[in-house]
């Protein structure tokens, strides 16, 4: 069973000039353990597609099934528990991090927001930080861009506390 299936998804916006077709009839499937990188020119509909998938923006037509749940037909109340299981990953890793917080505090915040307990998950996050030679007491600005990308809080799996995509 796939984790995410998208069928004939289209996104349209009304503008003063008429109907703008931002995304037209997109189909793809992502299996568990896979990842998908969406690449395109500025204005090609990447963000519109992502927002429609997350139900943060309109979908004109199509079907989005996440782990057996048809997202486009769910009420906000039904969608709420599923939202803990998917998050956007920002293009600019610095926009994911609050420059006033240490890396450790940012990861703690992400884990707690995902409903994880402290204990074991924090130790796993510390282990992951050590694996990329990142200090949990660092703040984002002095870190290198690659380190920033590796500690994106949206990239922490709330069930395991492990950062990074496996694919």
Foldseek 3Di string as FASTA:
>chain_A
DFQKWWFQWWDWDQDPVGIDTLDGGDTDTHHPQDDDDDDDDPSNNPVVVVCVQLVNGDIPDTFMAGPNRTPVPDDPVRCVVVSLQADDQDPQLVVLFDQVAFLLVSLVVLLVVSVADCPPLSVQLVVQCVVVPHDRRHGPPVDDRVSSSQSRSSQQRNVRNHGDGGD
